[in-house]
C-alpha cells in the first residue's frame, strides 16, 4: 500500500490542492450568501426562495464533495511514507485546524437548514464576522505545511 501511495503522490497532491481551493471557495461564499439572504430576502419572498436554492446547491454540489475529496486526498498524503514528520508539532496543529474547518463547514450546513425552514435568528453582522474564520484557519494551515515552524 505504501508503494501505491508513493506512486500516486503527485496526483494525490494535485487533487488535494484543487479540492481545498473548491472547498475554501464555498466556505467563503456561503456566509456571504447568508448575509445577502438576511439583508435582501425577507421570509416568504421570492428572493428568499432564490437564496435558499443557491445555498443548498452550493453546499450539496460543491462544498460537500470538495470537503470529502480534501479529506480523502489529504489522508492519502498524510499516510505516504516520508511526507509528514509526525514527531514534529506542525502536523498536529494543521490537523486541529482542519478539524476546525470541518466543524465550521457543518456549522454552516446547520445555518442553511435554518434558512430553509425560515428560522434564521442571526444577523447579517454575525455572518460577516463568522466569514473571517475560514481565512484565519487557512492562514494557519498553509503556514504549518509550507513553513513548518514547530
N, C-alpha and C. Protein backbone atom coordinates (compact mmCIF):
# COMPACT_ATOMS: atom_id res chain seq x y z
N UNK A 1 0.82 -1.20 0.00
CA UNK A 1 0.00 0.00 0.00
C UNK A 1 0.87 1.27 0.00
N UNK A 2 1.97 1.25 0.74
CA UNK A 2 2.83 2.42 0.79
C UNK A 2 3.47 2.70 -0.57
N UNK A 3 3.77 1.64 -1.33
CA UNK A 3 4.30 1.83 -2.68
C UNK A 3 3.28 2.52 -3.58
N UNK A 4 2.03 2.12 -3.45
CA UNK A 4 0.96 2.74 -4.23
C UNK A 4 0.82 4.22 -3.88
N UNK A 5 0.82 4.53 -2.58
CA UNK A 5 0.72 5.92 -2.15
C UNK A 5 1.87 6.77 -2.69
N UNK A 6 3.07 6.22 -2.66
CA UNK A 6 4.24 6.94 -3.19
C UNK A 6 4.11 7.15 -4.70
N UNK A 7 3.56 6.17 -5.39
CA UNK A 7 3.40 6.26 -6.85
C UNK A 7 2.38 7.33 -7.23
N UNK A 8 1.28 7.39 -6.51
CA UNK A 8 0.21 8.34 -6.86
C UNK A 8 0.37 9.69 -6.14
N UNK A 9 1.44 9.85 -5.40
CA UNK A 9 1.65 11.07 -4.61
C UNK A 9 1.44 12.37 -5.40
N UNK A 10 2.06 12.53 -6.58
CA UNK A 10 1.85 13.80 -7.31
C UNK A 10 0.38 14.05 -7.67
N UNK A 11 -0.33 12.98 -8.01
CA UNK A 11 -1.75 13.13 -8.34
C UNK A 11 -2.58 13.42 -7.09
N UNK A 12 -2.26 12.74 -6.00
CA UNK A 12 -2.98 13.00 -4.75
C UNK A 12 -2.76 14.44 -4.30
N UNK A 13 -1.55 14.93 -4.44
CA UNK A 13 -1.23 16.30 -4.05
C UNK A 13 -1.99 17.29 -4.94
N UNK A 14 -1.99 17.05 -6.23
CA UNK A 14 -2.71 17.91 -7.18
C UNK A 14 -4.20 17.94 -6.85
N UNK A 15 -4.79 16.77 -6.67
CA UNK A 15 -6.22 16.69 -6.40
C UNK A 15 -6.57 17.27 -5.02
N UNK A 16 -5.65 17.13 -4.07
CA UNK A 16 -5.86 17.73 -2.75
C UNK A 16 -5.91 19.25 -2.86
N UNK A 17 -4.96 19.84 -3.57
CA UNK A 17 -4.92 21.30 -3.73
C UNK A 17 -6.18 21.79 -4.43
N UNK A 18 -6.60 21.13 -5.50
CA UNK A 18 -7.81 21.53 -6.22
C UNK A 18 -9.05 21.40 -5.33
N UNK A 19 -9.10 20.35 -4.54
CA UNK A 19 -10.24 20.15 -3.63
C UNK A 19 -10.29 21.24 -2.56
N UNK A 20 -9.12 21.57 -2.01
CA UNK A 20 -9.06 22.61 -0.98
C UNK A 20 -9.52 23.95 -1.56
N UNK A 21 -9.08 24.28 -2.76
CA UNK A 21 -9.49 25.55 -3.39
C UNK A 21 -11.02 25.58 -3.53
N UNK A 22 -11.60 24.50 -3.99
CA UNK A 22 -13.06 24.44 -4.17
C UNK A 22 -13.79 24.55 -2.83
N UNK A 23 -13.26 23.84 -1.83
CA UNK A 23 -13.89 23.86 -0.51
C UNK A 23 -13.81 25.27 0.09
N UNK A 24 -12.63 25.89 0.00
CA UNK A 24 -12.46 27.23 0.54
C UNK A 24 -13.38 28.23 -0.16
N UNK A 25 -13.54 28.09 -1.46
CA UNK A 25 -14.44 29.00 -2.18
C UNK A 25 -15.84 28.93 -1.59
N UNK A 26 -16.31 27.73 -1.34
CA UNK A 26 -17.63 27.56 -0.74
C UNK A 26 -17.71 28.08 0.69
N UNK A 27 -16.66 27.80 1.48
CA UNK A 27 -16.65 28.26 2.87
C UNK A 27 -16.64 29.78 2.97
N UNK A 28 -16.10 30.43 1.97
CA UNK A 28 -16.08 31.89 1.96
C UNK A 28 -17.35 32.48 1.34
N UNK A 29 -17.95 31.76 0.40
CA UNK A 29 -19.11 32.29 -0.32
C UNK A 29 -20.43 32.06 0.41
N UNK A 30 -20.60 30.90 1.04
CA UNK A 30 -21.89 30.59 1.68
C UNK A 30 -22.27 31.61 2.75
N UNK A 31 -21.35 32.00 3.65
CA UNK A 31 -21.77 33.02 4.62
C UNK A 31 -22.10 34.37 3.97
N UNK A 32 -21.47 34.67 2.84
CA UNK A 32 -21.82 35.91 2.13
C UNK A 32 -23.24 35.79 1.56
N UNK A 33 -23.60 34.60 1.09
CA UNK A 33 -25.00 34.39 0.67
C UNK A 33 -25.94 34.60 1.86
N UNK A 34 -25.54 34.11 3.04
CA UNK A 34 -26.37 34.29 4.23
C UNK A 34 -26.54 35.77 4.55
N UNK A 35 -25.46 36.55 4.43
CA UNK A 35 -25.54 38.00 4.67
C UNK A 35 -26.59 38.61 3.74
N UNK A 36 -26.49 38.29 2.47
CA UNK A 36 -27.44 38.84 1.49
C UNK A 36 -28.86 38.31 1.72
N UNK A 37 -28.96 37.07 2.14
CA UNK A 37 -30.27 36.48 2.42
C UNK A 37 -30.95 37.26 3.55
N UNK A 38 -30.18 37.53 4.62
CA UNK A 38 -30.74 38.28 5.75
C UNK A 38 -31.14 39.70 5.31
N UNK A 39 -30.27 40.34 4.55
CA UNK A 39 -30.50 41.75 4.20
C UNK A 39 -31.51 41.97 3.07
N UNK A 40 -31.62 41.01 2.15
CA UNK A 40 -32.44 41.26 0.96
C UNK A 40 -33.48 40.19 0.67
N UNK A 41 -33.62 39.19 1.55
CA UNK A 41 -34.57 38.12 1.29
C UNK A 41 -35.50 37.86 2.45
N UNK A 42 -36.46 38.76 2.67
CA UNK A 42 -37.38 38.56 3.79
C UNK A 42 -38.14 37.23 3.66
N UNK A 43 -38.45 36.65 4.81
CA UNK A 43 -39.15 35.37 4.85
C UNK A 43 -40.40 35.42 3.98
N UNK A 44 -40.55 34.39 3.15
CA UNK A 44 -41.72 34.28 2.30
C UNK A 44 -41.60 34.96 0.95
N UNK A 45 -40.54 35.71 0.76
CA UNK A 45 -40.38 36.42 -0.51
C UNK A 45 -39.78 35.51 -1.58
N UNK A 46 -39.97 35.91 -2.81
CA UNK A 46 -39.38 35.18 -3.94
C UNK A 46 -37.85 35.21 -3.85
N UNK A 47 -37.32 36.34 -3.41
CA UNK A 47 -35.87 36.48 -3.26
C UNK A 47 -35.33 35.48 -2.24
N UNK A 48 -36.06 35.31 -1.15
CA UNK A 48 -35.65 34.35 -0.13
C UNK A 48 -35.58 32.94 -0.71
N UNK A 49 -36.54 32.60 -1.53
CA UNK A 49 -36.56 31.27 -2.15
C UNK A 49 -35.39 31.09 -3.11
N UNK A 50 -35.02 32.15 -3.82
CA UNK A 50 -33.86 32.10 -4.71
C UNK A 50 -32.60 31.85 -3.89
N UNK A 51 -32.45 32.59 -2.79
CA UNK A 51 -31.28 32.38 -1.93
C UNK A 51 -31.24 30.96 -1.38
N UNK A 52 -32.38 30.43 -0.98
CA UNK A 52 -32.42 29.06 -0.46
C UNK A 52 -31.91 28.07 -1.50
N UNK A 53 -32.32 28.25 -2.73
CA UNK A 53 -31.86 27.36 -3.80
C UNK A 53 -30.36 27.48 -4.04
N UNK A 54 -29.86 28.70 -4.04
CA UNK A 54 -28.42 28.92 -4.22
C UNK A 54 -27.63 28.28 -3.08
N UNK A 55 -28.11 28.44 -1.86
CA UNK A 55 -27.40 27.92 -0.69
C UNK A 55 -27.35 26.40 -0.68
N UNK A 56 -28.46 25.76 -0.99
CA UNK A 56 -28.48 24.30 -0.96
C UNK A 56 -27.62 23.72 -2.08
N UNK A 57 -27.67 24.33 -3.25
CA UNK A 57 -26.84 23.82 -4.36
C UNK A 57 -25.36 24.01 -4.08
N UNK A 58 -24.99 25.16 -3.54
CA UNK A 58 -23.58 25.39 -3.19
C UNK A 58 -23.10 24.36 -2.19
N UNK A 59 -23.88 24.11 -1.17
CA UNK A 59 -23.47 23.17 -0.13
C UNK A 59 -23.42 21.73 -0.66
N UNK A 60 -24.45 21.30 -1.33
CA UNK A 60 -24.54 19.89 -1.75
C UNK A 60 -23.70 19.56 -2.99
N UNK A 61 -23.63 20.48 -3.92
CA UNK A 61 -22.96 20.16 -5.18
C UNK A 61 -21.48 20.56 -5.21
N UNK A 62 -21.09 21.51 -4.40
CA UNK A 62 -19.70 21.96 -4.42
C UNK A 62 -19.00 21.70 -3.09
N UNK A 63 -19.56 22.25 -2.02
CA UNK A 63 -18.86 22.20 -0.73
C UNK A 63 -18.72 20.79 -0.15
N UNK A 64 -19.81 20.03 -0.11
CA UNK A 64 -19.72 18.68 0.46
C UNK A 64 -18.76 17.78 -0.32
N UNK A 65 -18.89 17.69 -1.65
CA UNK A 65 -17.92 16.87 -2.39
C UNK A 65 -16.48 17.38 -2.23
N UNK A 66 -16.29 18.70 -2.22
CA UNK A 66 -14.94 19.24 -2.08
C UNK A 66 -14.35 18.92 -0.71
N UNK A 67 -15.18 19.00 0.34
CA UNK A 67 -14.69 18.66 1.68
C UNK A 67 -14.29 17.18 1.74
N UNK A 68 -15.12 16.32 1.20
CA UNK A 68 -14.82 14.88 1.22
C UNK A 68 -13.54 14.60 0.43
N UNK A 69 -13.42 15.19 -0.74
CA UNK A 69 -12.21 14.99 -1.55
C UNK A 69 -10.98 15.54 -0.85
N UNK A 70 -11.11 16.68 -0.19
CA UNK A 70 -9.99 17.25 0.56
C UNK A 70 -9.52 16.27 1.63
N UNK A 71 -10.45 15.70 2.35
CA UNK A 71 -10.11 14.73 3.39
C UNK A 71 -9.47 13.47 2.81
N UNK A 72 -10.05 12.93 1.75
CA UNK A 72 -9.53 11.69 1.15
C UNK A 72 -8.11 11.89 0.64
N UNK A 73 -7.90 12.93 -0.16
CA UNK A 73 -6.57 13.15 -0.72
C UNK A 73 -5.58 13.63 0.34
N UNK A 74 -6.06 14.37 1.33
CA UNK A 74 -5.20 14.78 2.43
C UNK A 74 -4.72 13.60 3.24
N UNK A 75 -5.61 12.66 3.51
CA UNK A 75 -5.21 11.45 4.26
C UNK A 75 -4.24 10.60 3.44
N UNK A 76 -4.47 10.55 2.13
CA UNK A 76 -3.52 9.82 1.27
C UNK A 76 -2.13 10.44 1.40
N UNK A 77 -2.06 11.77 1.39
CA UNK A 77 -0.77 12.44 1.52
C UNK A 77 -0.16 12.19 2.91
N UNK A 78 -1.00 12.25 3.92
CA UNK A 78 -0.51 12.07 5.30
C UNK A 78 0.06 10.68 5.52
N UNK A 79 -0.49 9.69 4.84
CA UNK A 79 -0.02 8.32 5.03
C UNK A 79 1.06 7.90 4.04
N UNK A 80 1.43 8.79 3.13
CA UNK A 80 2.53 8.50 2.21
C UNK A 80 3.84 8.55 3.00
N UNK A 81 4.62 7.48 2.98
CA UNK A 81 5.85 7.44 3.78
C UNK A 81 6.81 8.57 3.44
N UNK A 82 7.36 9.18 4.50
CA UNK A 82 8.36 10.22 4.33
C UNK A 82 7.83 11.60 4.07
N UNK A 83 6.53 11.78 4.01
CA UNK A 83 5.95 13.09 3.70
C UNK A 83 5.73 13.92 4.96
N UNK A 84 5.22 13.31 6.01
CA UNK A 84 4.89 14.03 7.24
C UNK A 84 5.82 13.58 8.36
N UNK A 85 6.39 14.54 9.06
CA UNK A 85 7.21 14.26 10.25
C UNK A 85 6.30 14.29 11.47
N UNK A 86 5.78 13.11 11.80
CA UNK A 86 4.82 13.02 12.90
C UNK A 86 5.43 13.31 14.26
N UNK A 87 6.75 13.39 14.33
CA UNK A 87 7.42 13.74 15.57
C UNK A 87 7.45 15.24 15.82
N UNK A 88 7.12 16.01 14.79
CA UNK A 88 7.06 17.47 14.92
C UNK A 88 5.67 17.89 15.39
N UNK A 89 5.57 19.15 15.74
CA UNK A 89 4.31 19.68 16.24
C UNK A 89 3.40 20.19 15.12
N UNK A 90 3.98 20.61 13.97
CA UNK A 90 3.20 21.24 12.90
C UNK A 90 2.08 20.37 12.34
N UNK A 91 2.27 19.04 12.15
CA UNK A 91 1.14 18.31 11.56
C UNK A 91 -0.06 18.21 12.50
N UNK A 92 0.21 18.26 13.79
CA UNK A 92 -0.87 18.17 14.78
C UNK A 92 -1.64 19.49 14.84
N UNK A 93 -0.93 20.61 14.71
CA UNK A 93 -1.61 21.91 14.65
C UNK A 93 -2.45 21.98 13.38
N UNK A 94 -1.86 21.54 12.26
CA UNK A 94 -2.60 21.55 11.00
C UNK A 94 -3.85 20.67 11.11
N UNK A 95 -3.70 19.50 11.69
CA UNK A 95 -4.85 18.59 11.83
C UNK A 95 -5.95 19.23 12.67
N UNK A 96 -5.57 19.91 13.74
CA UNK A 96 -6.57 20.58 14.59
C UNK A 96 -7.30 21.68 13.80
N UNK A 97 -6.56 22.40 12.97
CA UNK A 97 -7.18 23.46 12.17
C UNK A 97 -8.11 22.88 11.10
N UNK A 98 -7.73 21.75 10.51
CA UNK A 98 -8.59 21.09 9.52
C UNK A 98 -9.87 20.59 10.19
N UNK A 99 -9.74 20.07 11.40
CA UNK A 99 -10.94 19.67 12.15
C UNK A 99 -11.81 20.90 12.43
N UNK A 100 -11.18 22.02 12.76
CA UNK A 100 -11.93 23.26 12.96
C UNK A 100 -12.64 23.70 11.70
N UNK A 101 -11.97 23.57 10.56
CA UNK A 101 -12.57 23.92 9.27
C UNK A 101 -13.77 23.01 8.98
N UNK A 102 -13.62 21.75 9.29
CA UNK A 102 -14.72 20.80 9.09
C UNK A 102 -15.89 21.13 10.00
N UNK A 103 -15.59 21.48 11.24
CA UNK A 103 -16.66 21.87 12.17
C UNK A 103 -17.38 23.12 11.65
N UNK A 104 -16.62 24.08 11.13
CA UNK A 104 -17.21 25.30 10.56
C UNK A 104 -18.12 24.95 9.38
N UNK A 105 -17.68 24.02 8.54
CA UNK A 105 -18.49 23.56 7.40
C UNK A 105 -19.84 23.05 7.91
N UNK A 106 -19.82 22.22 8.95
CA UNK A 106 -21.06 21.66 9.49
C UNK A 106 -21.91 22.73 10.18
N UNK A 107 -21.25 23.73 10.78
CA UNK A 107 -21.98 24.85 11.37
C UNK A 107 -22.75 25.59 10.28
N UNK A 108 -22.08 25.83 9.15
CA UNK A 108 -22.74 26.49 8.02
C UNK A 108 -23.91 25.65 7.50
N UNK A 109 -23.73 24.33 7.45
CA UNK A 109 -24.80 23.45 6.98
C UNK A 109 -26.03 23.56 7.89
N UNK A 110 -25.81 23.68 9.19
CA UNK A 110 -26.93 23.85 10.12
C UNK A 110 -27.62 25.19 9.90
N UNK A 111 -26.85 26.21 9.65
CA UNK A 111 -27.44 27.53 9.39
C UNK A 111 -28.26 27.49 8.10
N UNK A 112 -27.78 26.75 7.11
CA UNK A 112 -28.51 26.63 5.85
C UNK A 112 -29.87 25.98 6.08
N UNK A 113 -29.90 24.98 6.95
CA UNK A 113 -31.18 24.33 7.28
C UNK A 113 -32.12 25.29 8.00
N UNK A 114 -31.56 26.17 8.83
CA UNK A 114 -32.40 27.17 9.49
C UNK A 114 -33.01 28.13 8.47
N UNK A 115 -32.21 28.56 7.51
CA UNK A 115 -32.77 29.43 6.44
C UNK A 115 -33.85 28.68 5.66
N UNK A 116 -33.59 27.41 5.34
CA UNK A 116 -34.55 26.63 4.56
C UNK A 116 -35.90 26.52 5.28
N UNK A 117 -35.84 26.48 6.61
CA UNK A 117 -37.07 26.37 7.41
C UNK A 117 -37.60 27.74 7.85
N UNK A 118 -37.01 28.81 7.31
CA UNK A 118 -37.39 30.18 7.69
C UNK A 118 -37.25 30.42 9.19
N UNK A 119 -36.17 29.87 9.78
CA UNK A 119 -35.94 30.02 11.22
C UNK A 119 -34.61 30.69 11.54
N UNK A 120 -34.03 31.41 10.62
CA UNK A 120 -32.77 32.09 10.92
C UNK A 120 -33.00 33.17 11.98
N UNK A 121 -32.13 33.20 12.99
CA UNK A 121 -32.22 34.21 14.04
C UNK A 121 -30.98 35.08 14.11
N UNK A 122 -30.01 34.81 13.25
CA UNK A 122 -28.75 35.55 13.29
C UNK A 122 -28.78 36.76 12.37
N UNK A 123 -27.99 37.74 12.73
CA UNK A 123 -27.93 38.98 11.95
C UNK A 123 -26.92 38.83 10.81
N UNK A 124 -27.01 39.76 9.86
CA UNK A 124 -26.03 39.80 8.77
C UNK A 124 -24.64 40.04 9.34
N UNK A 125 -24.56 40.86 10.38
CA UNK A 125 -23.26 41.14 11.01
C UNK A 125 -22.62 39.88 11.57
N UNK A 126 -23.40 39.02 12.19
CA UNK A 126 -22.84 37.78 12.75
C UNK A 126 -22.27 36.90 11.65
N UNK A 127 -22.93 36.86 10.49
CA UNK A 127 -22.40 36.08 9.37
C UNK A 127 -21.15 36.73 8.77
N UNK A 128 -21.10 38.06 8.78
CA UNK A 128 -19.88 38.74 8.32
C UNK A 128 -18.70 38.39 9.22
N UNK A 129 -18.93 38.38 10.51
CA UNK A 129 -17.86 38.05 11.46
C UNK A 129 -17.42 36.60 11.28
N UNK A 130 -18.38 35.69 11.18
CA UNK A 130 -18.05 34.27 11.02
C UNK A 130 -17.34 34.00 9.70
N UNK A 131 -17.57 34.87 8.72
CA UNK A 131 -16.94 34.70 7.42
C UNK A 131 -15.41 34.84 7.49
N UNK A 132 -14.90 35.42 8.57
CA UNK A 132 -13.45 35.58 8.73
C UNK A 132 -12.77 34.30 9.23
N UNK A 133 -13.51 33.42 9.87
CA UNK A 133 -12.93 32.22 10.47
C UNK A 133 -12.19 31.33 9.48
N UNK A 134 -12.75 30.99 8.31
CA UNK A 134 -12.00 30.11 7.42
C UNK A 134 -10.70 30.74 6.91
N UNK A 135 -10.67 32.05 6.81
CA UNK A 135 -9.43 32.71 6.38
C UNK A 135 -8.35 32.54 7.43
N UNK A 136 -8.70 32.73 8.68
CA UNK A 136 -7.72 32.55 9.78
C UNK A 136 -7.23 31.11 9.81
N UNK A 137 -8.16 30.16 9.72
CA UNK A 137 -7.77 28.74 9.72
C UNK A 137 -6.87 28.42 8.52
N UNK A 138 -7.21 28.96 7.36
CA UNK A 138 -6.42 28.71 6.16
C UNK A 138 -5.00 29.25 6.32
N UNK A 139 -4.85 30.42 6.89
CA UNK A 139 -3.52 31.00 7.10
C UNK A 139 -2.68 30.10 7.99
N UNK A 140 -3.27 29.61 9.06
CA UNK A 140 -2.54 28.71 9.97
C UNK A 140 -2.18 27.41 9.27
N UNK A 141 -3.12 26.82 8.55
CA UNK A 141 -2.88 25.55 7.86
C UNK A 141 -1.76 25.69 6.85
N UNK A 142 -1.83 26.69 6.00
CA UNK A 142 -0.80 26.88 4.97
C UNK A 142 0.56 27.14 5.61
N UNK A 143 0.58 27.93 6.67
CA UNK A 143 1.85 28.19 7.37
C UNK A 143 2.44 26.91 7.95
N UNK A 144 1.61 26.07 8.52
CA UNK A 144 2.11 24.82 9.10
C UNK A 144 2.71 23.92 8.03
N UNK A 145 2.12 23.89 6.85
CA UNK A 145 2.61 23.00 5.79
C UNK A 145 3.81 23.57 5.06
N UNK A 146 3.80 24.85 4.79
CA UNK A 146 4.89 25.44 4.00
C UNK A 146 6.10 25.78 4.87
N UNK A 147 5.87 26.47 5.99
CA UNK A 147 6.97 26.92 6.84
C UNK A 147 7.40 25.85 7.84
N UNK A 148 6.44 25.08 8.32
CA UNK A 148 6.68 24.05 9.35
C UNK A 148 7.46 24.62 10.53
N UNK A 149 6.87 25.63 11.19
CA UNK A 149 7.62 26.35 12.22
C UNK A 149 7.83 25.57 13.52
N UNK A 150 7.09 24.51 13.74
CA UNK A 150 7.23 23.77 15.00
C UNK A 150 7.57 22.33 14.75
